[in-house]
Amino acid sequence: VTPLRRIENAGGDVLHGMKQSDVGYTGFGEAYFSWVSASAVKAWKRHTQMTMNVVVPVGQVKFV
C-alpha cells in the first residue's frame, strides 16, 4: 500500500496517484475508475500476467 500524496488547494485537494519513480511502478498500460457501494462485493478479473494498481481516494477496499 502506497499512501497518496495530498496537494492541498482551496478549490479542492488533489491526490497524486502514481509516478514513474514510485516503488512498485512497472509501467502503464490503461486505467479504470469505478465506484463501489458500501458493503458491496464487486467482482474484478484476476490478472496473472500484469501488475494491477488500485487507487482508493476515499474509504477502503478489502480484497478477498
C-alpha atoms as a PDB file:
ATOM      1  CA  VAL A   1       0.000   0.000   0.000  1.00  0.00           C
ATOM      2  CA  THR A   2       1.395   3.369  -1.056  1.00  0.00           C
ATOM      3  CA  PRO A   3      -0.095   6.422   0.652  1.00  0.00           C
ATOM      4  CA  LEU A   4      -1.307   9.106  -1.760  1.00  0.00           C
ATOM      5  CA  ARG A   5       0.352  12.497  -1.566  1.00  0.00           C
ATOM      6  CA  ARG A   6      -2.291  15.164  -0.926  1.00  0.00           C
ATOM      7  CA  ILE A   7      -1.796  18.529  -2.618  1.00  0.00           C
ATOM      8  CA  GLU A   8      -3.991  20.983  -0.741  1.00  0.00           C
ATOM      9  CA  ASN A   9      -5.919  23.503  -2.816  1.00  0.00           C
ATOM     10  CA  ALA A  10      -8.692  25.923  -1.860  1.00  0.00           C
ATOM     11  CA  GLY A  11     -10.767  24.722  -4.828  1.00  0.00           C
ATOM     12  CA  GLY A  12     -10.398  21.063  -3.817  1.00  0.00           C
ATOM     13  CA  ASP A  13      -7.434  18.888  -2.885  1.00  0.00           C
ATOM     14  CA  VAL A  14      -5.585  16.802  -5.475  1.00  0.00           C
ATOM     15  CA  LEU A  15      -4.368  13.269  -4.713  1.00  0.00           C
ATOM     16  CA  HIS A  16      -1.201  12.177  -6.502  1.00  0.00           C
ATOM     17  CA  GLY A  17      -1.929   8.620  -7.630  1.00  0.00           C
ATOM     18  CA  MET A  18       1.328   7.271  -9.040  1.00  0.00           C
ATOM     19  CA  LYS A  19       4.507   8.383 -10.712  1.00  0.00           C
ATOM     20  CA  GLN A  20       7.322   6.636 -12.533  1.00  0.00           C
ATOM     21  CA  SER A  21       9.747   6.968  -9.592  1.00  0.00           C
ATOM     22  CA  ASP A  22       7.374   5.207  -7.128  1.00  0.00           C
ATOM     23  CA  VAL A  23       8.346   1.824  -5.702  1.00  0.00           C
ATOM     24  CA  GLY A  24       6.260  -0.823  -7.441  1.00  0.00           C
ATOM     25  CA  TYR A  25       5.773   1.171 -10.642  1.00  0.00           C
ATOM     26  CA  THR A  26       6.241  -1.264 -13.532  1.00  0.00           C
ATOM     27  CA  GLY A  27       4.883   0.753 -16.432  1.00  0.00           C
ATOM     28  CA  PHE A  28       1.495   1.953 -17.515  1.00  0.00           C
ATOM     29  CA  GLY A  29      -0.996   0.415 -19.873  1.00  0.00           C
ATOM     30  CA  GLU A  30      -4.521   1.537 -19.001  1.00  0.00           C
ATOM     31  CA  ALA A  31      -6.641   2.955 -16.169  1.00  0.00           C
ATOM     32  CA  TYR A  32     -10.179   2.339 -14.935  1.00  0.00           C
ATOM     33  CA  PHE A  33     -12.243   4.321 -12.432  1.00  0.00           C
ATOM     34  CA  SER A  34     -15.120   2.782 -10.525  1.00  0.00           C
ATOM     35  CA  TRP A  35     -17.393   3.417  -7.549  1.00  0.00           C
ATOM     36  CA  VAL A  36     -18.077   0.644  -5.055  1.00  0.00           C
ATOM     37  CA  SER A  37     -21.094   0.978  -2.775  1.00  0.00           C
ATOM     38  CA  ALA A  38     -20.598   0.441   0.970  1.00  0.00           C
ATOM     39  CA  SER A  39     -20.719  -3.258   1.954  1.00  0.00           C
ATOM     40  CA  ALA A  40     -20.900  -4.295  -1.713  1.00  0.00           C
ATOM     41  CA  VAL A  41     -18.917  -7.175  -3.181  1.00  0.00           C
ATOM     42  CA  LYS A  42     -17.598  -6.271  -6.600  1.00  0.00           C
ATOM     43  CA  ALA A  43     -16.007  -8.868  -8.852  1.00  0.00           C
ATOM     44  CA  TRP A  44     -12.882  -7.982 -10.811  1.00  0.00           C
ATOM     45  CA  LYS A  45     -10.961 -10.242 -13.149  1.00  0.00           C
ATOM     46  CA  ARG A  46      -7.783 -11.555 -11.550  1.00  0.00           C
ATOM     47  CA  HIS A  47      -4.827 -10.964 -13.833  1.00  0.00           C
ATOM     48  CA  THR A  48      -1.847 -13.313 -13.660  1.00  0.00           C
ATOM     49  CA  GLN A  49       0.454 -11.670 -16.201  1.00  0.00           C
ATOM     50  CA  MET A  50       0.246  -7.974 -15.343  1.00  0.00           C
ATOM     51  CA  THR A  51       0.532  -5.661 -12.362  1.00  0.00           C
ATOM     52  CA  MET A  52      -2.707  -4.053 -11.208  1.00  0.00           C
ATOM     53  CA  ASN A  53      -2.605  -0.739  -9.355  1.00  0.00           C
ATOM     54  CA  VAL A  54      -5.664   0.279  -7.359  1.00  0.00           C
ATOM     55  CA  VAL A  55      -6.137   3.871  -6.188  1.00  0.00           C
ATOM     56  CA  VAL A  56      -8.631   4.324  -3.348  1.00  0.00           C
ATOM     57  CA  PRO A  57      -9.079   8.063  -2.724  1.00  0.00           C
ATOM     58  CA  VAL A  58     -11.979   7.689  -0.260  1.00  0.00           C
ATOM     59  CA  GLY A  59     -12.698   4.832   2.148  1.00  0.00           C
ATOM     60  CA  GLN A  60     -11.070   1.439   1.955  1.00  0.00           C
ATOM     61  CA  VAL A  61     -11.124  -1.707  -0.161  1.00  0.00           C
ATOM     62  CA  LYS A  62     -10.794  -5.267   1.097  1.00  0.00           C
ATOM     63  CA  PHE A  63      -9.527  -7.960  -1.270  1.00  0.00           C
ATOM     64  CA  VAL A  64     -10.825 -11.473  -0.610  1.00  0.00           C
END
